């Protein structure tokens, strides 16, 4: 009986690994990073950068319907800027924008914070009521404006009918009186913005450790002392975000005012947003409209710079 032995497998020679060039690897990594960033950069340049630059250029041009169809929009220096700044309506619109923005932010934030604190307590129908309060925020702003215009109507409005039922004489010209119109628009905007403030602040309150409140209760701290020493300091980053987002959305608001008063009566609710619309699409003076739009952009940019600096100083 003969035995056979299997041949030993051939040993493959070790292949020397290629050394990767660190400079080439760094370049590939950087290219892959730019590959992920490039779509966002292109999007920002096309839909934000180009309109911004075009709006600035347009503010120094004689841009009217005739020049639009001719394709010739000659530069007129600072004529558009001088015309806008010497217009009394621009000063009124700027003041109305300040009053409208500050009044709306104070009302939305104050009531939203109060509701957020209230809903941190456990009670029946808590979730249902929180969902119900979200409705003003979910309804389109134009729809809200039309509904509130019917509610605030001097003759057939529900609000005046209710006030008249109480015996206080329901004939208040909420939207037709120059002295009441801006106040009424602010109230409606506060009603729309309360849910957003409440939701964001409520989420911030949930992140505060409960142990801090328990320790404050054991130390005998009052409710106001606890709120001032624990809640507000820990809620400060969330408050900053809420106020910044609220400012950005309020300072340029247009559709709500158009639906309620269309800038009237007697320009008493004219803001920078509505003035931009009136100049550009009603009077067809696109150069003047671009000037007011640039002022709005400048105000937002200044506010954003202060916000970024405040966040940087807090981080340090």
C-alpha atoms as a PDB file:
ATOM      1  CA  UNK A   1       0.000   0.000   0.000  1.00  0.00           C
ATOM      2  CA  UNK A   2       1.522   3.243  -1.161  1.00  0.00           C
ATOM      3  CA  UNK A   3       0.872   6.656   0.374  1.00  0.00           C
ATOM      4  CA  UNK A   4       0.795   9.896  -1.580  1.00  0.00           C
ATOM      5  CA  UNK A   5       1.669  13.250  -0.108  1.00  0.00           C
ATOM      6  CA  UNK A   6      -0.051  16.412  -1.324  1.00  0.00           C
ATOM      7  CA  UNK A   7       2.302  19.052  -2.666  1.00  0.00           C
ATOM      8  CA  UNK A   8       2.808  21.975  -0.320  1.00  0.00           C
ATOM      9  CA  UNK A   9       1.030  25.131  -1.456  1.00  0.00           C
ATOM     10  CA  UNK A  10       3.253  27.679  -3.060  1.00  0.00           C
ATOM     11  CA  UNK A  11       3.968  30.653  -0.891  1.00  0.00           C
ATOM     12  CA  UNK A  12       3.109  33.894  -2.628  1.00  0.00           C
ATOM     13  CA  UNK A  13       5.724  36.532  -2.363  1.00  0.00           C
ATOM     14  CA  UNK A  14       4.729  39.448  -0.150  1.00  0.00           C
ATOM     15  CA  UNK A  15       3.601  42.418  -2.151  1.00  0.00           C
ATOM     16  CA  UNK A  16       4.998  45.654  -0.932  1.00  0.00           C
ATOM     17  CA  UNK A  17       2.259  48.114  -0.003  1.00  0.00           C
ATOM     18  CA  UNK A  18       2.247  51.348  -1.876  1.00  0.00           C
ATOM     19  CA  UNK A  19       2.874  54.305   0.287  1.00  0.00           C
ATOM     20  CA  UNK A  20       0.103  56.847  -0.008  1.00  0.00           C
ATOM     21  CA  UNK A  21       1.127  60.407  -0.538  1.00  0.00           C
ATOM     22  CA  UNK A  22      -0.180  62.406   2.468  1.00  0.00           C
ATOM     23  CA  UNK A  23      -0.572  65.496   0.298  1.00  0.00           C
ATOM     24  CA  UNK A  24      -2.675  63.592  -2.239  1.00  0.00           C
ATOM     25  CA  UNK A  25      -4.811  62.054   0.503  1.00  0.00           C
ATOM     26  CA  UNK A  26      -5.398  65.479   1.975  1.00  0.00           C
ATOM     27  CA  UNK A  27      -6.463  66.793  -1.413  1.00  0.00           C
ATOM     28  CA  UNK A  28      -8.909  63.917  -1.883  1.00  0.00           C
ATOM     29  CA  UNK A  29     -10.380  64.480   1.551  1.00  0.00           C
ATOM     30  CA  UNK A  30     -10.768  68.180   0.860  1.00  0.00           C
ATOM     31  CA  UNK A  31     -12.400  67.505  -2.506  1.00  0.00           C
ATOM     32  CA  UNK A  32     -14.857  65.095  -0.916  1.00  0.00           C
ATOM     33  CA  UNK A  33     -15.695  67.721   1.692  1.00  0.00           C
ATOM     34  CA  UNK A  34     -16.323  70.335  -0.988  1.00  0.00           C
ATOM     35  CA  UNK A  35     -18.454  67.783  -2.846  1.00  0.00           C
ATOM     36  CA  UNK A  36     -20.861  67.702   0.073  1.00  0.00           C
ATOM     37  CA  UNK A  37     -20.819  71.484   0.538  1.00  0.00           C
ATOM     38  CA  UNK A  38     -21.064  72.438  -3.147  1.00  0.00           C
ATOM     39  CA  UNK A  39     -24.853  71.870  -3.563  1.00  0.00           C
ATOM     40  CA  UNK A  40     -25.631  74.111  -0.587  1.00  0.00           C
ATOM     41  CA  UNK A  41     -23.192  76.773  -1.831  1.00  0.00           C
ATOM     42  CA  UNK A  42     -24.716  76.726  -5.325  1.00  0.00           C
ATOM     43  CA  UNK A  43     -28.209  76.940  -3.855  1.00  0.00           C
ATOM     44  CA  UNK A  44     -27.273  79.911  -1.656  1.00  0.00           C
ATOM     45  CA  UNK A  45     -25.588  81.746  -4.530  1.00  0.00           C
ATOM     46  CA  UNK A  46     -28.466  81.217  -6.944  1.00  0.00           C
ATOM     47  CA  UNK A  47     -31.415  81.903  -4.660  1.00  0.00           C
ATOM     48  CA  UNK A  48     -29.903  84.290  -2.111  1.00  0.00           C
ATOM     49  CA  UNK A  49     -26.676  85.760  -3.426  1.00  0.00           C
ATOM     50  CA  UNK A  50     -27.839  86.709  -6.919  1.00  0.00           C
ATOM     51  CA  UNK A  51     -31.177  88.280  -5.835  1.00  0.00           C
ATOM     52  CA  UNK A  52     -29.356  90.245  -3.131  1.00  0.00           C
ATOM     53  CA  UNK A  53     -26.753  91.627  -5.527  1.00  0.00           C
ATOM     54  CA  UNK A  54     -29.406  92.297  -8.172  1.00  0.00           C
ATOM     55  CA  UNK A  55     -31.535  94.184  -5.651  1.00  0.00           C
ATOM     56  CA  UNK A  56     -28.595  96.379  -4.635  1.00  0.00           C
ATOM     57  CA  UNK A  57     -27.773  97.133  -8.278  1.00  0.00           C
ATOM     58  CA  UNK A  58     -31.414  97.871  -9.070  1.00  0.00           C
ATOM     59  CA  UNK A  59     -31.555 100.493  -6.310  1.00  0.00           C
ATOM     60  CA  UNK A  60     -29.054 102.575  -8.315  1.00  0.00           C
ATOM     61  CA  UNK A  61     -30.897 102.215 -11.624  1.00  0.00           C
ATOM     62  CA  UNK A  62     -33.823 103.931 -13.291  1.00  0.00           C
ATOM     63  CA  UNK A  63     -35.854 100.738 -13.346  1.00  0.00           C
ATOM     64  CA  UNK A  64     -39.415 101.284 -14.523  1.00  0.00           C
ATOM     65  CA  UNK A  65     -41.827  99.344 -16.810  1.00  0.00           C
ATOM     66  CA  UNK A  66     -40.567 101.203 -19.864  1.00  0.00           C
ATOM     67  CA  UNK A  67     -36.907 100.496 -19.137  1.00  0.00           C
ATOM     68  CA  UNK A  68     -37.817  96.902 -18.258  1.00  0.00           C
ATOM     69  CA  UNK A  69     -39.247  96.244 -21.714  1.00  0.00           C
ATOM     70  CA  UNK A  70     -36.509  98.211 -23.451  1.00  0.00           C
ATOM     71  CA  UNK A  71     -33.842  96.263 -21.624  1.00  0.00           C
ATOM     72  CA  UNK A  72     -32.067  99.494 -20.748  1.00  0.00           C
ATOM     73  CA  UNK A  73     -31.943 100.541 -17.114  1.00  0.00           C
ATOM     74  CA  UNK A  74     -29.464 103.412 -16.855  1.00  0.00           C
ATOM     75  CA  UNK A  75     -27.743 104.124 -13.575  1.00  0.00           C
ATOM     76  CA  UNK A  76     -29.069 107.213 -11.871  1.00  0.00           C
ATOM     77  CA  UNK A  77     -26.662 107.367  -8.929  1.00  0.00           C
ATOM     78  CA  UNK A  78     -28.360 107.910  -5.596  1.00  0.00           C
ATOM     79  CA  UNK A  79     -31.563 109.418  -7.017  1.00  0.00           C
ATOM     80  CA  UNK A  80     -33.687 106.493  -5.822  1.00  0.00           C
ATOM     81  CA  UNK A  81     -32.192 106.638  -2.339  1.00  0.00           C
ATOM     82  CA  UNK A  82     -32.660 110.386  -2.104  1.00  0.00           C
ATOM     83  CA  UNK A  83     -36.277 110.137  -3.271  1.00  0.00           C
ATOM     84  CA  UNK A  84     -37.109 107.423  -0.725  1.00  0.00           C
ATOM     85  CA  UNK A  85     -35.353 109.079   2.230  1.00  0.00           C
ATOM     86  CA  UNK A  86     -36.990 112.441   1.522  1.00  0.00           C
ATOM     87  CA  UNK A  87     -40.428 110.864   1.340  1.00  0.00           C
ATOM     88  CA  UNK A  88     -42.450 111.400   4.530  1.00  0.00           C
ATOM     89  CA  UNK A  89     -44.077 108.019   4.056  1.00  0.00           C
ATOM     90  CA  UNK A  90     -40.726 106.265   4.489  1.00  0.00           C
ATOM     91  CA  UNK A  91     -40.273 107.783   7.956  1.00  0.00           C
ATOM     92  CA  UNK A  92     -43.808 106.755   8.938  1.00  0.00           C
ATOM     93  CA  UNK A  93     -43.275 103.239   7.599  1.00  0.00           C
ATOM     94  CA  UNK A  94     -39.995 102.908   9.498  1.00  0.00           C
ATOM     95  CA  UNK A  95     -41.634 104.013  12.754  1.00  0.00           C
ATOM     96  CA  UNK A  96     -44.609 101.701  12.209  1.00  0.00           C
ATOM     97  CA  UNK A  97     -42.192  98.820  11.546  1.00  0.00           C
ATOM     98  CA  UNK A  98     -40.387  99.474  14.833  1.00  0.00           C
ATOM     99  CA  UNK A  99     -43.622  99.700  16.833  1.00  0.00           C
ATOM    100  CA  UNK A 100     -45.110  96.668  15.088  1.00  0.00           C
ATOM    101  CA  UNK A 101     -41.991  94.524  15.590  1.00  0.00           C
ATOM    102  CA  UNK A 102     -41.375  95.433  19.242  1.00  0.00           C
ATOM    103  CA  UNK A 103     -45.056  95.180  20.182  1.00  0.00           C
ATOM    104  CA  UNK A 104     -45.432  91.811  18.456  1.00  0.00           C
ATOM    105  CA  UNK A 105     -42.260  90.352  19.997  1.00  0.00           C
ATOM    106  CA  UNK A 106     -43.185  91.444  23.517  1.00  0.00           C
ATOM    107  CA  UNK A 107     -46.718  90.072  23.254  1.00  0.00           C
ATOM    108  CA  UNK A 108     -45.768  86.811  21.540  1.00  0.00           C
ATOM    109  CA  UNK A 109     -42.865  86.079  23.864  1.00  0.00           C
ATOM    110  CA  UNK A 110     -44.630  87.095  27.093  1.00  0.00           C
ATOM    111  CA  UNK A 111     -47.803  85.108  26.464  1.00  0.00           C
ATOM    112  CA  UNK A 112     -45.876  82.210  24.898  1.00  0.00           C
ATOM    113  CA  UNK A 113     -43.580  81.936  27.927  1.00  0.00           C
ATOM    114  CA  UNK A 114     -46.524  82.098  30.331  1.00  0.00           C
ATOM    115  CA  UNK A 115     -48.310  79.305  28.451  1.00  0.00           C
ATOM    116  CA  UNK A 116     -45.122  77.221  28.250  1.00  0.00           C
ATOM    117  CA  UNK A 117     -44.666  77.444  32.024  1.00  0.00           C
ATOM    118  CA  UNK A 118     -48.356  76.692  32.539  1.00  0.00           C
ATOM    119  CA  UNK A 119     -48.263  73.540  30.410  1.00  0.00           C
ATOM    120  CA  UNK A 120     -45.278  72.125  32.310  1.00  0.00           C
ATOM    121  CA  UNK A 121     -47.791  71.261  35.033  1.00  0.00           C
ATOM    122  CA  UNK A 122     -49.616  67.961  34.755  1.00  0.00           C
ATOM    123  CA  UNK A 123     -53.388  68.218  34.456  1.00  0.00           C
ATOM    124  CA  UNK A 124     -56.175  66.580  32.407  1.00  0.00           C
ATOM    125  CA  UNK A 125     -56.382  67.504  28.697  1.00  0.00           C
ATOM    126  CA  UNK A 126     -52.884  69.016  28.794  1.00  0.00           C
ATOM    127  CA  UNK A 127     -51.851  67.535  25.445  1.00  0.00           C
ATOM    128  CA  UNK A 128     -55.189  68.305  23.804  1.00  0.00           C
ATOM    129  CA  UNK A 129     -55.059  71.977  24.811  1.00  0.00           C
ATOM    130  CA  UNK A 130     -51.471  72.307  23.617  1.00  0.00           C
ATOM    131  CA  UNK A 131     -52.476  70.870  20.252  1.00  0.00           C
ATOM    132  CA  UNK A 132     -55.444  73.232  20.073  1.00  0.00           C
ATOM    133  CA  UNK A 133     -53.268  76.282  20.692  1.00  0.00           C
ATOM    134  CA  UNK A 134     -51.138  75.332  17.667  1.00  0.00           C
ATOM    135  CA  UNK A 135     -54.008  76.028  15.258  1.00  0.00           C
ATOM    136  CA  UNK A 136     -53.275  79.768  14.716  1.00  0.00           C
ATOM    137  CA  UNK A 137     -49.720  78.877  13.712  1.00  0.00           C
ATOM    138  CA  UNK A 138     -50.819  76.152  11.279  1.00  0.00           C
ATOM    139  CA  UNK A 139     -53.385  78.270   9.432  1.00  0.00           C
ATOM    140  CA  UNK A 140     -51.923  80.263   6.477  1.00  0.00           C
ATOM    141  CA  UNK A 141     -51.364  83.893   7.409  1.00  0.00           C
ATOM    142  CA  UNK A 142     -53.534  85.226   4.589  1.00  0.00           C
ATOM    143  CA  UNK A 143     -56.430  83.065   5.775  1.00  0.00           C
ATOM    144  CA  UNK A 144     -55.932  84.302   9.331  1.00  0.00           C
ATOM    145  CA  UNK A 145     -55.905  87.884   8.081  1.00  0.00           C
ATOM    146  CA  UNK A 146     -59.162  87.468   6.161  1.00  0.00           C
ATOM    147  CA  UNK A 147     -60.885  85.790   9.115  1.00  0.00           C
ATOM    148  CA  UNK A 148     -59.743  88.482  11.539  1.00  0.00           C
ATOM    149  CA  UNK A 149     -60.841  91.199   9.129  1.00  0.00           C
ATOM    150  CA  UNK A 150     -64.359  89.792   9.343  1.00  0.00           C
ATOM    151  CA  UNK A 151     -64.119  89.467  13.130  1.00  0.00           C
ATOM    152  CA  UNK A 152     -62.919  93.070  13.547  1.00  0.00           C
ATOM    153  CA  UNK A 153     -65.393  94.609  11.118  1.00  0.00           C
ATOM    154  CA  UNK A 154     -66.958  97.693  12.697  1.00  0.00           C
ATOM    155  CA  UNK A 155     -70.538  96.960  11.610  1.00  0.00           C
ATOM    156  CA  UNK A 156     -70.842  93.173  11.263  1.00  0.00           C
ATOM    157  CA  UNK A 157     -67.831  91.902  13.204  1.00  0.00           C
ATOM    158  CA  UNK A 158     -68.180  89.275  15.918  1.00  0.00           C
ATOM    159  CA  UNK A 159     -65.986  91.211  18.353  1.00  0.00           C
ATOM    160  CA  UNK A 160     -68.099  94.361  18.267  1.00  0.00           C
ATOM    161  CA  UNK A 161     -71.273  92.289  18.524  1.00  0.00           C
ATOM    162  CA  UNK A 162     -69.892  90.570  21.632  1.00  0.00           C
ATOM    163  CA  UNK A 163     -68.830  93.888  23.193  1.00  0.00           C
ATOM    164  CA  UNK A 164     -72.264  95.332  22.424  1.00  0.00           C
ATOM    165  CA  UNK A 165     -73.891  92.343  24.125  1.00  0.00           C
ATOM    166  CA  UNK A 166     -71.904  93.139  27.269  1.00  0.00           C
ATOM    167  CA  UNK A 167     -73.295  96.676  27.164  1.00  0.00           C
ATOM    168  CA  UNK A 168     -70.100  98.549  26.321  1.00  0.00           C
ATOM    169  CA  UNK A 169     -71.206  99.848  22.925  1.00  0.00           C
ATOM    170  CA  UNK A 170     -69.703  97.695  20.188  1.00  0.00           C
ATOM    171  CA  UNK A 171     -68.879 100.269  17.523  1.00  0.00           C
ATOM    172  CA  UNK A 172     -65.079 100.369  17.778  1.00  0.00           C
ATOM    173  CA  UNK A 173     -63.417 100.991  14.372  1.00  0.00           C
ATOM    174  CA  UNK A 174     -60.698  98.398  14.865  1.00  0.00           C
ATOM    175  CA  UNK A 175     -59.354  98.488  11.301  1.00  0.00           C
ATOM    176  CA  UNK A 176     -60.829 101.721   9.918  1.00  0.00           C
ATOM    177  CA  UNK A 177     -59.478 104.204  12.460  1.00  0.00           C
ATOM    178  CA  UNK A 178     -55.882 105.474  12.009  1.00  0.00           C
ATOM    179  CA  UNK A 179     -55.489 105.417  15.779  1.00  0.00           C
ATOM    180  CA  UNK A 180     -56.667 101.810  16.212  1.00  0.00           C
ATOM    181  CA  UNK A 181     -55.551 100.018  13.035  1.00  0.00           C
ATOM    182  CA  UNK A 182     -51.893  99.457  13.952  1.00  0.00           C
ATOM    183  CA  UNK A 183     -52.845  98.264  17.436  1.00  0.00           C
ATOM    184  CA  UNK A 184     -55.338  95.800  15.928  1.00  0.00           C
ATOM    185  CA  UNK A 185     -52.779  94.444  13.453  1.00  0.00           C
ATOM    186  CA  UNK A 186     -50.280  93.944  16.290  1.00  0.00           C
ATOM    187  CA  UNK A 187     -52.878  92.043  18.315  1.00  0.00           C
ATOM    188  CA  UNK A 188     -53.627  89.726  15.395  1.00  0.00           C
ATOM    189  CA  UNK A 189     -49.922  89.099  14.792  1.00  0.00           C
ATOM    190  CA  UNK A 190     -49.445  88.312  18.488  1.00  0.00           C
ATOM    191  CA  UNK A 191     -52.274  85.773  18.243  1.00  0.00           C
ATOM    192  CA  UNK A 192     -50.551  84.125  15.269  1.00  0.00           C
ATOM    193  CA  UNK A 193     -47.070  84.028  16.858  1.00  0.00           C
ATOM    194  CA  UNK A 194     -47.984  82.755  20.340  1.00  0.00           C
ATOM    195  CA  UNK A 195     -47.983  79.020  19.382  1.00  0.00           C
ATOM    196  CA  UNK A 196     -44.459  79.164  17.898  1.00  0.00           C
ATOM    197  CA  UNK A 197     -43.044  80.849  21.003  1.00  0.00           C
ATOM    198  CA  UNK A 198     -44.883  78.446  23.300  1.00  0.00           C
ATOM    199  CA  UNK A 199     -43.651  75.315  21.518  1.00  0.00           C
ATOM    200  CA  UNK A 200     -39.986  76.353  21.439  1.00  0.00           C
ATOM    201  CA  UNK A 201     -39.976  77.619  25.037  1.00  0.00           C
ATOM    202  CA  UNK A 202     -41.865  74.551  26.238  1.00  0.00           C
ATOM    203  CA  UNK A 203     -39.188  72.338  24.698  1.00  0.00           C
ATOM    204  CA  UNK A 204     -36.490  74.381  26.435  1.00  0.00           C
ATOM    205  CA  UNK A 205     -38.248  74.062  29.791  1.00  0.00           C
ATOM    206  CA  UNK A 206     -38.307  70.280  29.439  1.00  0.00           C
ATOM    207  CA  UNK A 207     -34.494  70.240  29.259  1.00  0.00           C
ATOM    208  CA  UNK A 208     -34.033  71.928  32.653  1.00  0.00           C
ATOM    209  CA  UNK A 209     -33.204  69.271  35.290  1.00  0.00           C
ATOM    210  CA  UNK A 210     -36.020  68.736  37.788  1.00  0.00           C
ATOM    211  CA  UNK A 211     -33.452  68.296  40.572  1.00  0.00           C
ATOM    212  CA  UNK A 212     -32.721  72.015  40.492  1.00  0.00           C
ATOM    213  CA  UNK A 213     -36.344  72.846  41.236  1.00  0.00           C
ATOM    214  CA  UNK A 214     -36.418  70.255  44.022  1.00  0.00           C
ATOM    215  CA  UNK A 215     -33.297  71.748  45.586  1.00  0.00           C
ATOM    216  CA  UNK A 216     -34.761  75.257  45.356  1.00  0.00           C
ATOM    217  CA  UNK A 217     -37.973  74.036  47.000  1.00  0.00           C
ATOM    218  CA  UNK A 218     -36.019  72.485  49.865  1.00  0.00           C
ATOM    219  CA  UNK A 219     -34.163  75.776  50.342  1.00  0.00           C
ATOM    220  CA  UNK A 220     -37.486  77.565  50.664  1.00  0.00           C
ATOM    221  CA  UNK A 221     -37.197  79.610  47.455  1.00  0.00           C
ATOM    222  CA  UNK A 222     -40.402  81.239  46.248  1.00  0.00           C
ATOM    223  CA  UNK A 223     -41.876  80.564  42.808  1.00  0.00           C
ATOM    224  CA  UNK A 224     -40.681  83.941  41.477  1.00  0.00           C
ATOM    225  CA  UNK A 225     -37.197  83.417  42.950  1.00  0.00           C
ATOM    226  CA  UNK A 226     -36.988  79.970  41.350  1.00  0.00           C
ATOM    227  CA  UNK A 227     -38.146  81.326  38.008  1.00  0.00           C
ATOM    228  CA  UNK A 228     -35.681  84.229  38.106  1.00  0.00           C
ATOM    229  CA  UNK A 229     -32.662  82.258  39.371  1.00  0.00           C
ATOM    230  CA  UNK A 230     -33.116  78.899  37.634  1.00  0.00           C
ATOM    231  CA  UNK A 231     -35.594  79.012  34.761  1.00  0.00           C
ATOM    232  CA  UNK A 232     -34.576  82.234  33.032  1.00  0.00           C
ATOM    233  CA  UNK A 233     -30.762  81.701  33.110  1.00  0.00           C
ATOM    234  CA  UNK A 234     -31.002  78.122  31.821  1.00  0.00           C
ATOM    235  CA  UNK A 235     -33.591  79.131  29.236  1.00  0.00           C
ATOM    236  CA  UNK A 236     -31.495  82.022  27.887  1.00  0.00           C
ATOM    237  CA  UNK A 237     -30.145  80.198  24.752  1.00  0.00           C
ATOM    238  CA  UNK A 238     -33.670  79.175  23.775  1.00  0.00           C
ATOM    239  CA  UNK A 239     -34.977  82.682  24.434  1.00  0.00           C
ATOM    240  CA  UNK A 240     -32.288  84.093  22.138  1.00  0.00           C
ATOM    241  CA  UNK A 241     -33.291  81.747  19.313  1.00  0.00           C
ATOM    242  CA  UNK A 242     -36.990  82.547  19.757  1.00  0.00           C
ATOM    243  CA  UNK A 243     -36.426  86.314  19.718  1.00  0.00           C
ATOM    244  CA  UNK A 244     -34.095  86.206  16.710  1.00  0.00           C
ATOM    245  CA  UNK A 245     -36.444  84.046  14.640  1.00  0.00           C
ATOM    246  CA  UNK A 246     -39.388  86.155  15.752  1.00  0.00           C
ATOM    247  CA  UNK A 247     -37.619  89.355  14.743  1.00  0.00           C
ATOM    248  CA  UNK A 248     -36.662  87.982  11.328  1.00  0.00           C
ATOM    249  CA  UNK A 249     -40.217  86.917  10.544  1.00  0.00           C
ATOM    250  CA  UNK A 250     -41.926  90.004  12.001  1.00  0.00           C
ATOM    251  CA  UNK A 251     -39.826  92.852  10.617  1.00  0.00           C
ATOM    252  CA  UNK A 252     -40.569  91.874   7.007  1.00  0.00           C
ATOM    253  CA  UNK A 253     -44.195  90.796   7.408  1.00  0.00           C
ATOM    254  CA  UNK A 254     -46.395  91.658   4.431  1.00  0.00           C
ATOM    255  CA  UNK A 255     -49.276  89.272   3.773  1.00  0.00           C
ATOM    256  CA  UNK A 256     -51.010  89.771   7.114  1.00  0.00           C
ATOM    257  CA  UNK A 257     -51.083  93.568   6.791  1.00  0.00           C
ATOM    258  CA  UNK A 258     -52.261  93.385   3.183  1.00  0.00           C
ATOM    259  CA  UNK A 259     -55.088  91.045   4.169  1.00  0.00           C
ATOM    260  CA  UNK A 260     -56.168  93.201   7.132  1.00  0.00           C
ATOM    261  CA  UNK A 261     -55.719  96.832   6.086  1.00  0.00           C
ATOM    262  CA  UNK A 262     -53.623  96.976   2.889  1.00  0.00           C
ATOM    263  CA  UNK A 263     -51.453  99.569   4.643  1.00  0.00           C
ATOM    264  CA  UNK A 264     -54.365 101.862   5.507  1.00  0.00           C
ATOM    265  CA  UNK A 265     -56.294 103.700   6.660  1.00  0.00           C
ATOM    266  CA  UNK A 266     -54.335 106.829   5.748  1.00  0.00           C
ATOM    267  CA  UNK A 267     -51.079 104.795   5.727  1.00  0.00           C
ATOM    268  CA  UNK A 268     -51.416 104.163   9.472  1.00  0.00           C
ATOM    269  CA  UNK A 269     -50.313 100.529   9.080  1.00  0.00           C
ATOM    270  CA  UNK A 270     -47.748 101.088   6.348  1.00  0.00           C
ATOM    271  CA  UNK A 271     -44.502  99.265   7.183  1.00  0.00           C
ATOM    272  CA  UNK A 272     -41.251  98.792   5.291  1.00  0.00           C
ATOM    273  CA  UNK A 273     -42.549  95.484   3.926  1.00  0.00           C
ATOM    274  CA  UNK A 274     -45.778  96.957   2.594  1.00  0.00           C
ATOM    275  CA  UNK A 275     -43.948 100.049   1.307  1.00  0.00           C
ATOM    276  CA  UNK A 276     -41.636  97.809  -0.716  1.00  0.00           C
ATOM    277  CA  UNK A 277     -44.680  96.105  -2.204  1.00  0.00           C
ATOM    278  CA  UNK A 278     -46.466  99.412  -2.921  1.00  0.00           C
ATOM    279  CA  UNK A 279     -43.436 100.941  -4.656  1.00  0.00           C
ATOM    280  CA  UNK A 280     -42.572  97.883  -6.710  1.00  0.00           C
ATOM    281  CA  UNK A 281     -45.892  96.326  -7.686  1.00  0.00           C
ATOM    282  CA  UNK A 282     -48.453  99.115  -7.341  1.00  0.00           C
ATOM    283  CA  UNK A 283     -46.543 102.216  -8.440  1.00  0.00           C
ATOM    284  CA  UNK A 284     -44.153 100.073 -10.548  1.00  0.00           C
ATOM    285  CA  UNK A 285     -41.172 102.064  -9.266  1.00  0.00           C
ATOM    286  CA  UNK A 286     -38.824  99.118  -8.882  1.00  0.00           C
ATOM    287  CA  UNK A 287     -35.822 101.270  -8.030  1.00  0.00           C
ATOM    288  CA  UNK A 288     -37.548 102.813  -5.009  1.00  0.00           C
ATOM    289  CA  UNK A 289     -38.863  99.401  -3.982  1.00  0.00           C
ATOM    290  CA  UNK A 290     -35.329  98.006  -4.126  1.00  0.00           C
ATOM    291  CA  UNK A 291     -34.108 100.820  -1.850  1.00  0.00           C
ATOM    292  CA  UNK A 292     -36.683 100.006   0.844  1.00  0.00           C
ATOM    293  CA  UNK A 293     -35.902  96.309   0.448  1.00  0.00           C
ATOM    294  CA  UNK A 294     -32.208  97.016   0.981  1.00  0.00           C
ATOM    295  CA  UNK A 295     -33.022  98.941   4.158  1.00  0.00           C
ATOM    296  CA  UNK A 296     -34.891  95.890   5.430  1.00  0.00           C
ATOM    297  CA  UNK A 297     -31.937  93.655   4.564  1.00  0.00           C
ATOM    298  CA  UNK A 298     -29.551  96.038   6.331  1.00  0.00           C
ATOM    299  CA  UNK A 299     -31.686  96.066   9.493  1.00  0.00           C
ATOM    300  CA  UNK A 300     -31.792  92.268   9.532  1.00  0.00           C
ATOM    301  CA  UNK A 301     -28.037  92.036   8.920  1.00  0.00           C
ATOM    302  CA  UNK A 302     -27.230  94.413  11.793  1.00  0.00           C
ATOM    303  CA  UNK A 303     -29.485  92.429  14.111  1.00  0.00           C
ATOM    304  CA  UNK A 304     -27.840  89.166  12.990  1.00  0.00           C
ATOM    305  CA  UNK A 305     -24.346  90.561  13.681  1.00  0.00           C
ATOM    306  CA  UNK A 306     -25.318  91.565  17.223  1.00  0.00           C
ATOM    307  CA  UNK A 307     -26.837  88.123  17.739  1.00  0.00           C
ATOM    308  CA  UNK A 308     -23.687  86.318  16.559  1.00  0.00           C
ATOM    309  CA  UNK A 309     -21.469  88.504  18.727  1.00  0.00           C
ATOM    310  CA  UNK A 310     -23.641  87.872  21.760  1.00  0.00           C
ATOM    311  CA  UNK A 311     -23.464  84.124  21.192  1.00  0.00           C
ATOM    312  CA  UNK A 312     -19.686  84.279  20.719  1.00  0.00           C
ATOM    313  CA  UNK A 313     -19.199  86.206  23.958  1.00  0.00           C
ATOM    314  CA  UNK A 314     -21.391  83.703  25.827  1.00  0.00           C
ATOM    315  CA  UNK A 315     -19.354  80.827  24.409  1.00  0.00           C
ATOM    316  CA  UNK A 316     -16.147  82.359  25.695  1.00  0.00           C
END
